[in-house]
C-alpha atoms as a PDB file:
ATOM      1  CA  UNK A   1      11.544  22.003  70.660  1.00  0.00           C
ATOM      2  CA  UNK A   2      13.159  20.275  73.617  1.00  0.00           C
ATOM      3  CA  UNK A   3      16.056  18.958  71.553  1.00  0.00           C
ATOM      4  CA  UNK A   4      16.685  22.429  70.118  1.00  0.00           C
ATOM      5  CA  UNK A   5      16.721  24.029  73.573  1.00  0.00           C
ATOM      6  CA  UNK A   6      19.001  21.271  74.922  1.00  0.00           C
ATOM      7  CA  UNK A   7      21.549  21.794  72.113  1.00  0.00           C
ATOM      8  CA  UNK A   8      21.185  25.584  72.473  1.00  0.00           C
ATOM      9  CA  UNK A   9      22.050  25.382  76.206  1.00  0.00           C
ATOM     10  CA  UNK A  10      25.253  23.482  75.549  1.00  0.00           C
ATOM     11  CA  UNK A  11      26.230  25.720  72.629  1.00  0.00           C
ATOM     12  CA  UNK A  12      25.569  28.789  74.791  1.00  0.00           C
ATOM     13  CA  UNK A  13      27.766  27.444  77.627  1.00  0.00           C
ATOM     14  CA  UNK A  14      30.582  26.748  75.147  1.00  0.00           C
ATOM     15  CA  UNK A  15      30.365  30.027  73.290  1.00  0.00           C
ATOM     16  CA  UNK A  16      30.159  32.194  76.429  1.00  0.00           C
ATOM     17  CA  UNK A  17      33.204  30.458  77.917  1.00  0.00           C
ATOM     18  CA  UNK A  18      35.142  30.707  74.661  1.00  0.00           C
ATOM     19  CA  UNK A  19      34.269  34.363  74.143  1.00  0.00           C
ATOM     20  CA  UNK A  20      35.031  35.228  77.768  1.00  0.00           C
ATOM     21  CA  UNK A  21      38.481  33.676  77.782  1.00  0.00           C
ATOM     22  CA  UNK A  22      39.272  35.133  74.375  1.00  0.00           C
ATOM     23  CA  UNK A  23      38.475  38.659  75.609  1.00  0.00           C
ATOM     24  CA  UNK A  24      40.569  38.033  78.673  1.00  0.00           C
ATOM     25  CA  UNK A  25      43.658  37.078  76.645  1.00  0.00           C
ATOM     26  CA  UNK A  26      43.100  40.107  74.399  1.00  0.00           C
ATOM     27  CA  UNK A  27      43.692  42.401  77.357  1.00  0.00           C
ATOM     28  CA  UNK A  28      47.438  42.206  76.620  1.00  0.00           C
ATOM     29  CA  UNK A  29      48.488  42.210  72.952  1.00  0.00           C
ATOM     30  CA  UNK A  30      51.526  40.156  73.942  1.00  0.00           C
ATOM     31  CA  UNK A  31      49.660  37.559  76.047  1.00  0.00           C
ATOM     32  CA  UNK A  32      49.719  34.958  73.254  1.00  0.00           C
ATOM     33  CA  UNK A  33      52.570  34.701  70.775  1.00  0.00           C
ATOM     34  CA  UNK A  34      53.589  32.412  67.933  1.00  0.00           C
ATOM     35  CA  UNK A  35      55.578  29.507  69.387  1.00  0.00           C
ATOM     36  CA  UNK A  36      57.965  29.566  66.426  1.00  0.00           C
ATOM     37  CA  UNK A  37      59.250  33.151  66.655  1.00  0.00           C
ATOM     38  CA  UNK A  38      57.515  34.884  69.579  1.00  0.00           C
ATOM     39  CA  UNK A  39      55.598  37.234  67.276  1.00  0.00           C
ATOM     40  CA  UNK A  40      52.396  38.806  68.703  1.00  0.00           C
ATOM     41  CA  UNK A  41      49.090  37.339  67.552  1.00  0.00           C
ATOM     42  CA  UNK A  42      45.939  39.014  66.181  1.00  0.00           C
ATOM     43  CA  UNK A  43      42.341  38.554  67.327  1.00  0.00           C
ATOM     44  CA  UNK A  44      41.551  35.474  65.261  1.00  0.00           C
ATOM     45  CA  UNK A  45      44.706  33.775  66.381  1.00  0.00           C
ATOM     46  CA  UNK A  46      43.939  34.465  70.017  1.00  0.00           C
ATOM     47  CA  UNK A  47      40.401  33.184  69.444  1.00  0.00           C
ATOM     48  CA  UNK A  48      41.826  30.002  67.897  1.00  0.00           C
ATOM     49  CA  UNK A  49      44.357  29.571  70.716  1.00  0.00           C
ATOM     50  CA  UNK A  50      41.609  29.936  73.317  1.00  0.00           C
ATOM     51  CA  UNK A  51      39.395  27.375  71.504  1.00  0.00           C
ATOM     52  CA  UNK A  52      41.947  24.623  71.380  1.00  0.00           C
ATOM     53  CA  UNK A  53      43.044  25.391  74.911  1.00  0.00           C
ATOM     54  CA  UNK A  54      39.434  24.947  76.214  1.00  0.00           C
ATOM     55  CA  UNK A  55      39.166  21.550  74.561  1.00  0.00           C
ATOM     56  CA  UNK A  56      42.650  20.722  75.860  1.00  0.00           C
ATOM     57  CA  UNK A  57      43.945  20.024  72.379  1.00  0.00           C
ATOM     58  CA  UNK A  58      47.243  21.845  72.944  1.00  0.00           C
ATOM     59  CA  UNK A  59      48.822  21.623  69.515  1.00  0.00           C
ATOM     60  CA  UNK A  60      51.725  23.965  70.475  1.00  0.00           C
ATOM     61  CA  UNK A  61      51.243  26.312  67.520  1.00  0.00           C
ATOM     62  CA  UNK A  62      50.869  29.279  69.951  1.00  0.00           C
ATOM     63  CA  UNK A  63      52.074  29.808  73.472  1.00  0.00           C
ATOM     64  CA  UNK A  64      51.247  32.072  76.365  1.00  0.00           C
ATOM     65  CA  UNK A  65      53.943  34.675  77.066  1.00  0.00           C
ATOM     66  CA  UNK A  66      55.089  34.872  80.668  1.00  0.00           C
ATOM     67  CA  UNK A  67      54.137  33.162  83.972  1.00  0.00           C
ATOM     68  CA  UNK A  68      50.843  35.000  84.455  1.00  0.00           C
ATOM     69  CA  UNK A  69      49.470  34.058  81.034  1.00  0.00           C
ATOM     70  CA  UNK A  70      50.739  30.478  81.436  1.00  0.00           C
ATOM     71  CA  UNK A  71      48.681  30.221  84.631  1.00  0.00           C
ATOM     72  CA  UNK A  72      45.730  31.780  82.810  1.00  0.00           C
ATOM     73  CA  UNK A  73      46.017  29.208  80.095  1.00  0.00           C
ATOM     74  CA  UNK A  74      46.037  26.439  82.710  1.00  0.00           C
ATOM     75  CA  UNK A  75      42.899  27.926  84.261  1.00  0.00           C
ATOM     76  CA  UNK A  76      41.213  28.160  80.813  1.00  0.00           C
ATOM     77  CA  UNK A  77      42.009  24.534  80.075  1.00  0.00           C
ATOM     78  CA  UNK A  78      40.583  23.499  83.494  1.00  0.00           C
ATOM     79  CA  UNK A  79      37.335  25.398  82.968  1.00  0.00           C
ATOM     80  CA  UNK A  80      37.058  23.965  79.440  1.00  0.00           C
ATOM     81  CA  UNK A  81      37.446  20.418  80.767  1.00  0.00           C
ATOM     82  CA  UNK A  82      34.864  21.156  83.429  1.00  0.00           C
ATOM     83  CA  UNK A  83      32.297  22.501  80.947  1.00  0.00           C
ATOM     84  CA  UNK A  84      32.798  19.620  78.553  1.00  0.00           C
ATOM     85  CA  UNK A  85      32.337  17.136  81.388  1.00  0.00           C
ATOM     86  CA  UNK A  86      29.268  19.047  82.638  1.00  0.00           C
ATOM     87  CA  UNK A  87      27.740  19.125  79.153  1.00  0.00           C
ATOM     88  CA  UNK A  88      28.181  15.346  78.681  1.00  0.00           C
ATOM     89  CA  UNK A  89      26.766  14.687  82.152  1.00  0.00           C
ATOM     90  CA  UNK A  90      23.841  17.015  81.426  1.00  0.00           C
ATOM     91  CA  UNK A  91      23.063  15.185  78.190  1.00  0.00           C
ATOM     92  CA  UNK A  92      23.357  11.758  79.818  1.00  0.00           C
ATOM     93  CA  UNK A  93      20.960  12.860  82.552  1.00  0.00           C
ATOM     94  CA  UNK A  94      18.314  14.590  80.373  1.00  0.00           C
ATOM     95  CA  UNK A  95      17.996  11.972  77.624  1.00  0.00           C
ATOM     96  CA  UNK A  96      17.177   9.037  79.985  1.00  0.00           C
ATOM     97  CA  UNK A  97      14.697  11.336  81.707  1.00  0.00           C
ATOM     98  CA  UNK A  98      12.978  11.996  78.390  1.00  0.00           C
ATOM     99  CA  UNK A  99      12.731   8.213  77.794  1.00  0.00           C
ATOM    100  CA  UNK A 100      11.341   7.697  81.300  1.00  0.00           C
ATOM    101  CA  UNK A 101       8.778  10.465  80.745  1.00  0.00           C
ATOM    102  CA  UNK A 102       7.560   8.711  77.599  1.00  0.00           C
ATOM    103  CA  UNK A 103       7.548   5.305  79.242  1.00  0.00           C
ATOM    104  CA  UNK A 104       5.292   6.684  81.992  1.00  0.00           C
ATOM    105  CA  UNK A 105       3.015   8.146  79.311  1.00  0.00           C
ATOM    106  CA  UNK A 106       2.769   4.822  77.574  1.00  0.00           C
ATOM    107  CA  UNK A 107       2.043   3.033  80.846  1.00  0.00           C
ATOM    108  CA  UNK A 108      -0.756   5.460  81.636  1.00  0.00           C
ATOM    109  CA  UNK A 109      -2.147   5.014  78.142  1.00  0.00           C
ATOM    110  CA  UNK A 110      -2.267   1.262  78.655  1.00  0.00           C
ATOM    111  CA  UNK A 111      -4.673   1.841  81.604  1.00  0.00           C
ATOM    112  CA  UNK A 112      -7.049   3.614  79.270  1.00  0.00           C
ATOM    113  CA  UNK A 113      -6.979   6.659  77.089  1.00  0.00           C
ATOM    114  CA  UNK A 114     -10.130   8.547  78.186  1.00  0.00           C
ATOM    115  CA  UNK A 115     -10.994   8.992  81.884  1.00  0.00           C
ATOM    116  CA  UNK A 116     -14.161   6.907  81.585  1.00  0.00           C
ATOM    117  CA  UNK A 117     -12.232   4.214  79.730  1.00  0.00           C
ATOM    118  CA  UNK A 118      -9.721   3.961  82.585  1.00  0.00           C
ATOM    119  CA  UNK A 119     -12.555   3.210  85.039  1.00  0.00           C
ATOM    120  CA  UNK A 120     -14.534   0.897  82.780  1.00  0.00           C
ATOM    121  CA  UNK A 121     -11.544  -1.223  81.826  1.00  0.00           C
ATOM    122  CA  UNK A 122     -10.529  -1.619  85.486  1.00  0.00           C
ATOM    123  CA  UNK A 123     -14.067  -2.358  86.740  1.00  0.00           C
ATOM    124  CA  UNK A 124     -14.297  -5.882  88.170  1.00  0.00           C
ATOM    125  CA  UNK A 125     -18.052  -5.919  88.773  1.00  0.00           C
ATOM    126  CA  UNK A 126     -17.942  -4.698  92.375  1.00  0.00           C
ATOM    127  CA  UNK A 127     -15.256  -2.061  92.352  1.00  0.00           C
ATOM    128  CA  UNK A 128     -12.087  -0.744  90.747  1.00  0.00           C
ATOM    129  CA  UNK A 129      -9.590  -2.640  92.834  1.00  0.00           C
ATOM    130  CA  UNK A 130      -7.617  -3.719  89.771  1.00  0.00           C
ATOM    131  CA  UNK A 131      -6.798  -0.016  89.265  1.00  0.00           C
ATOM    132  CA  UNK A 132      -5.393   0.212  92.760  1.00  0.00           C
ATOM    133  CA  UNK A 133      -2.656  -2.265  91.896  1.00  0.00           C
ATOM    134  CA  UNK A 134      -1.374   0.191  89.278  1.00  0.00           C
ATOM    135  CA  UNK A 135      -1.625   3.345  91.356  1.00  0.00           C
ATOM    136  CA  UNK A 136       1.394   2.607  93.598  1.00  0.00           C
ATOM    137  CA  UNK A 137       3.656   2.062  90.527  1.00  0.00           C
ATOM    138  CA  UNK A 138       2.284   5.146  88.835  1.00  0.00           C
ATOM    139  CA  UNK A 139       2.828   7.169  92.019  1.00  0.00           C
ATOM    140  CA  UNK A 140       6.452   6.108  92.394  1.00  0.00           C
ATOM    141  CA  UNK A 141       7.258   6.760  88.781  1.00  0.00           C
ATOM    142  CA  UNK A 142       5.493  10.092  88.624  1.00  0.00           C
ATOM    143  CA  UNK A 143       7.287  11.169  91.812  1.00  0.00           C
ATOM    144  CA  UNK A 144      10.645  10.465  90.073  1.00  0.00           C
ATOM    145  CA  UNK A 145       9.545  12.254  86.895  1.00  0.00           C
ATOM    146  CA  UNK A 146       8.429  15.263  88.959  1.00  0.00           C
ATOM    147  CA  UNK A 147      11.900  15.470  90.577  1.00  0.00           C
ATOM    148  CA  UNK A 148      13.542  15.205  87.177  1.00  0.00           C
ATOM    149  CA  UNK A 149      11.417  18.099  85.926  1.00  0.00           C
ATOM    150  CA  UNK A 150      12.578  20.175  88.893  1.00  0.00           C
ATOM    151  CA  UNK A 151      16.221  19.283  88.239  1.00  0.00           C
ATOM    152  CA  UNK A 152      15.943  19.705  84.428  1.00  0.00           C
ATOM    153  CA  UNK A 153      13.120  22.153  83.505  1.00  0.00           C
ATOM    154  CA  UNK A 154      14.069  21.628  79.849  1.00  0.00           C
ATOM    155  CA  UNK A 155      12.072  18.361  80.065  1.00  0.00           C
ATOM    156  CA  UNK A 156       8.832  20.371  79.901  1.00  0.00           C
ATOM    157  CA  UNK A 157       9.807  21.357  76.336  1.00  0.00           C
ATOM    158  CA  UNK A 158      10.038  17.810  75.008  1.00  0.00           C
ATOM    159  CA  UNK A 159       6.617  17.539  73.405  1.00  0.00           C
ATOM    160  CA  UNK A 160       5.005  14.520  71.704  1.00  0.00           C
ATOM    161  CA  UNK A 161       2.378  14.641  68.987  1.00  0.00           C
ATOM    162  CA  UNK A 162       1.314  11.080  69.767  1.00  0.00           C
ATOM    163  CA  UNK A 163      -1.510  11.043  72.272  1.00  0.00           C
ATOM    164  CA  UNK A 164      -0.146   7.854  73.830  1.00  0.00           C
ATOM    165  CA  UNK A 165       3.244   9.383  74.660  1.00  0.00           C
ATOM    166  CA  UNK A 166       2.185  12.956  75.477  1.00  0.00           C
ATOM    167  CA  UNK A 167       2.562  13.156  79.255  1.00  0.00           C
ATOM    168  CA  UNK A 168       0.331  16.224  79.801  1.00  0.00           C
ATOM    169  CA  UNK A 169      -2.518  14.403  78.015  1.00  0.00           C
ATOM    170  CA  UNK A 170      -2.024  11.221  80.052  1.00  0.00           C
ATOM    171  CA  UNK A 171      -1.606  12.905  83.406  1.00  0.00           C
ATOM    172  CA  UNK A 172      -4.735  14.998  82.924  1.00  0.00           C
ATOM    173  CA  UNK A 173      -6.800  11.999  81.759  1.00  0.00           C
ATOM    174  CA  UNK A 174      -5.653  10.021  84.811  1.00  0.00           C
ATOM    175  CA  UNK A 175      -6.393  12.908  87.155  1.00  0.00           C
ATOM    176  CA  UNK A 176      -9.888  13.305  85.623  1.00  0.00           C
ATOM    177  CA  UNK A 177     -10.478   9.588  86.185  1.00  0.00           C
ATOM    178  CA  UNK A 178      -9.444  10.025  89.813  1.00  0.00           C
ATOM    179  CA  UNK A 179     -11.872  12.919  90.086  1.00  0.00           C
ATOM    180  CA  UNK A 180     -14.663  10.630  88.891  1.00  0.00           C
ATOM    181  CA  UNK A 181     -13.653   8.122  91.604  1.00  0.00           C
ATOM    182  CA  UNK A 182     -13.574  10.728  94.367  1.00  0.00           C
ATOM    183  CA  UNK A 183     -16.524  12.846  93.537  1.00  0.00           C
ATOM    184  CA  UNK A 184     -18.727  11.004  91.066  1.00  0.00           C
ATOM    185  CA  UNK A 185     -18.902   7.352  92.031  1.00  0.00           C
ATOM    186  CA  UNK A 186     -20.420   5.699  95.138  1.00  0.00           C
ATOM    187  CA  UNK A 187     -19.454   2.205  94.029  1.00  0.00           C
ATOM    188  CA  UNK A 188     -15.648   2.710  94.321  1.00  0.00           C
ATOM    189  CA  UNK A 189     -15.231   4.310  97.689  1.00  0.00           C
ATOM    190  CA  UNK A 190     -12.376   2.071  98.756  1.00  0.00           C
ATOM    191  CA  UNK A 191     -10.472   2.795  95.539  1.00  0.00           C
ATOM    192  CA  UNK A 192     -11.144   6.524  95.946  1.00  0.00           C
ATOM    193  CA  UNK A 193      -9.401   6.465  99.300  1.00  0.00           C
ATOM    194  CA  UNK A 194      -6.379   4.780  97.694  1.00  0.00           C
ATOM    195  CA  UNK A 195      -6.072   7.605  95.176  1.00  0.00           C
ATOM    196  CA  UNK A 196      -5.052  10.314  97.721  1.00  0.00           C
ATOM    197  CA  UNK A 197      -1.278   9.728  97.542  1.00  0.00           C
ATOM    198  CA  UNK A 198      -1.332   9.828  93.752  1.00  0.00           C
ATOM    199  CA  UNK A 199      -3.468  12.963  93.670  1.00  0.00           C
ATOM    200  CA  UNK A 200      -0.953  14.668  95.952  1.00  0.00           C
ATOM    201  CA  UNK A 201       1.905  13.617  93.664  1.00  0.00           C
ATOM    202  CA  UNK A 202       0.046  14.973  90.609  1.00  0.00           C
ATOM    203  CA  UNK A 203      -0.297  18.272  92.493  1.00  0.00           C
ATOM    204  CA  UNK A 204       3.464  18.321  93.294  1.00  0.00           C
ATOM    205  CA  UNK A 205       4.169  17.591  89.684  1.00  0.00           C
ATOM    206  CA  UNK A 206       1.992  20.519  88.604  1.00  0.00           C
ATOM    207  CA  UNK A 207       4.006  22.766  90.986  1.00  0.00           C
ATOM    208  CA  UNK A 208       7.072  22.225  88.749  1.00  0.00           C
ATOM    209  CA  UNK A 209       5.278  24.173  85.995  1.00  0.00           C
ATOM    210  CA  UNK A 210       6.229  27.422  87.678  1.00  0.00           C
ATOM    211  CA  UNK A 211       9.885  26.767  86.861  1.00  0.00           C
ATOM    212  CA  UNK A 212       9.162  27.123  83.136  1.00  0.00           C
ATOM    213  CA  UNK A 213       6.495  29.818  83.425  1.00  0.00           C
ATOM    214  CA  UNK A 214       3.601  27.552  82.484  1.00  0.00           C
ATOM    215  CA  UNK A 215       0.659  29.286  84.083  1.00  0.00           C
ATOM    216  CA  UNK A 216      -2.780  28.117  85.140  1.00  0.00           C
ATOM    217  CA  UNK A 217      -5.585  28.898  82.720  1.00  0.00           C
ATOM    218  CA  UNK A 218      -7.947  31.776  83.554  1.00  0.00           C
ATOM    219  CA  UNK A 219     -10.900  29.475  83.954  1.00  0.00           C
ATOM    220  CA  UNK A 220     -11.321  25.862  85.069  1.00  0.00           C
ATOM    221  CA  UNK A 221     -12.796  23.441  82.554  1.00  0.00           C
ATOM    222  CA  UNK A 222     -16.447  22.501  83.140  1.00  0.00           C
ATOM    223  CA  UNK A 223     -17.196  19.248  85.060  1.00  0.00           C
ATOM    224  CA  UNK A 224     -17.092  16.193  82.801  1.00  0.00           C
ATOM    225  CA  UNK A 225     -20.285  14.277  82.103  1.00  0.00           C
ATOM    226  CA  UNK A 226     -20.978  11.080  84.020  1.00  0.00           C
ATOM    227  CA  UNK A 227     -23.286   9.718  81.320  1.00  0.00           C
ATOM    228  CA  UNK A 228     -20.737   7.374  79.768  1.00  0.00           C
ATOM    229  CA  UNK A 229     -20.457   5.550  83.070  1.00  0.00           C
ATOM    230  CA  UNK A 230     -24.122   4.682  83.207  1.00  0.00           C
ATOM    231  CA  UNK A 231     -24.901   1.142  82.199  1.00  0.00           C
ATOM    232  CA  UNK A 232     -21.579  -0.203  83.610  1.00  0.00           C
ATOM    233  CA  UNK A 233     -22.878  -1.153  87.061  1.00  0.00           C
ATOM    234  CA  UNK A 234     -21.387   1.970  88.602  1.00  0.00           C
ATOM    235  CA  UNK A 235     -23.397   3.634  91.368  1.00  0.00           C
ATOM    236  CA  UNK A 236     -23.250   7.333  90.651  1.00  0.00           C
ATOM    237  CA  UNK A 237     -23.541  10.199  93.087  1.00  0.00           C
ATOM    238  CA  UNK A 238     -25.958  13.010  92.471  1.00  0.00           C
ATOM    239  CA  UNK A 239     -25.030  15.616  89.930  1.00  0.00           C
ATOM    240  CA  UNK A 240     -24.990  18.254  92.681  1.00  0.00           C
ATOM    241  CA  UNK A 241     -22.575  16.304  94.886  1.00  0.00           C
ATOM    242  CA  UNK A 242     -20.292  15.644  91.904  1.00  0.00           C
ATOM    243  CA  UNK A 243     -20.178  19.229  90.722  1.00  0.00           C
ATOM    244  CA  UNK A 244     -19.598  20.453  94.341  1.00  0.00           C
ATOM    245  CA  UNK A 245     -16.561  18.245  94.629  1.00  0.00           C
ATOM    246  CA  UNK A 246     -15.251  19.399  91.225  1.00  0.00           C
ATOM    247  CA  UNK A 247     -15.677  23.067  92.151  1.00  0.00           C
ATOM    248  CA  UNK A 248     -13.452  22.633  95.176  1.00  0.00           C
ATOM    249  CA  UNK A 249     -10.643  21.655  92.805  1.00  0.00           C
ATOM    250  CA  UNK A 250     -11.010  24.580  90.441  1.00  0.00           C
ATOM    251  CA  UNK A 251      -7.438  25.792  90.987  1.00  0.00           C
ATOM    252  CA  UNK A 252      -6.054  22.317  90.321  1.00  0.00           C
ATOM    253  CA  UNK A 253      -8.079  21.994  87.133  1.00  0.00           C
ATOM    254  CA  UNK A 254      -6.901  25.437  85.950  1.00  0.00           C
ATOM    255  CA  UNK A 255      -3.317  24.237  86.266  1.00  0.00           C
ATOM    256  CA  UNK A 256      -4.147  21.009  84.420  1.00  0.00           C
ATOM    257  CA  UNK A 257      -5.737  22.953  81.602  1.00  0.00           C
ATOM    258  CA  UNK A 258      -2.802  25.398  81.422  1.00  0.00           C
ATOM    259  CA  UNK A 259      -0.448  22.411  81.266  1.00  0.00           C
ATOM    260  CA  UNK A 260      -2.445  20.842  78.415  1.00  0.00           C
ATOM    261  CA  UNK A 261      -2.683  24.038  76.417  1.00  0.00           C
ATOM    262  CA  UNK A 262       1.027  24.745  76.743  1.00  0.00           C
ATOM    263  CA  UNK A 263       1.712  21.330  75.151  1.00  0.00           C
ATOM    264  CA  UNK A 264      -0.637  22.105  72.257  1.00  0.00           C
ATOM    265  CA  UNK A 265      -3.638  20.049  73.424  1.00  0.00           C
ATOM    266  CA  UNK A 266      -7.225  21.006  74.279  1.00  0.00           C
ATOM    267  CA  UNK A 267      -9.273  19.702  77.180  1.00  0.00           C
ATOM    268  CA  UNK A 268     -11.489  17.602  74.908  1.00  0.00           C
ATOM    269  CA  UNK A 269      -8.440  15.710  73.690  1.00  0.00           C
ATOM    270  CA  UNK A 270      -8.318  13.693  76.929  1.00  0.00           C
ATOM    271  CA  UNK A 271     -11.510  11.995  75.882  1.00  0.00           C
ATOM    272  CA  UNK A 272      -9.964  10.308  72.823  1.00  0.00           C
ATOM    273  CA  UNK A 273     -10.532   6.581  72.915  1.00  0.00           C
ATOM    274  CA  UNK A 274      -7.652   4.218  72.151  1.00  0.00           C
ATOM    275  CA  UNK A 275      -7.998   3.144  68.534  1.00  0.00           C
ATOM    276  CA  UNK A 276      -6.624  -0.338  69.174  1.00  0.00           C
ATOM    277  CA  UNK A 277      -5.716  -2.436  72.189  1.00  0.00           C
END
């Protein structure tokens, strides 16, 4: 989908510019003539002349008649050069951003696929300090990816069917793990404090969804169960305290669910365990 939209944008820029200049030269039937004998041209010949002028080919088969149309031809060639350069720059900016988006997804998947798995695999017996070492890197990378999505909203349309490289799935799983830390666990209070900058960055990233009309879901997903964390030396808060904290983030979770569903995933998909390490 994203590749199709990217190509469509460039094709649209080119076609609109080509059609616009062609109509401009058609204002005067004598604006473009055959270079060989000065005979007036028809619509298709003007369209052809405009096309090769825009790509600065300049084969000399046709020529503009008079100073005004010569200047117009120069302006057309200039705009054509500008659009070609802009298109190449746009491609060279978007494609690396797509790669960085997938690299971030893979990095997040390496921390754990399901929210509980992220905590369990980073539990050192007394806390989740090993997770803290990754949060700074994730925060910096996600901040950059968020800015890229603001600059190039088309990035939201590059979807992945692989759960390891699907950024919506990985961001939501990570955010749910951070919700466990903040509202469900007593044994990782220090790590929970370290999550605040990353949680803010996730929220800023979610704000970019408005640019592509991705809306929050009507209802927030229900609080996830803490049961899978029992038996791993975690000290859990009461169910009431946990659900109270989750309810305060209902708007955030609605955005997360809307983001997931727009990418073709369901909330339960974030609980997929990694098949192999």
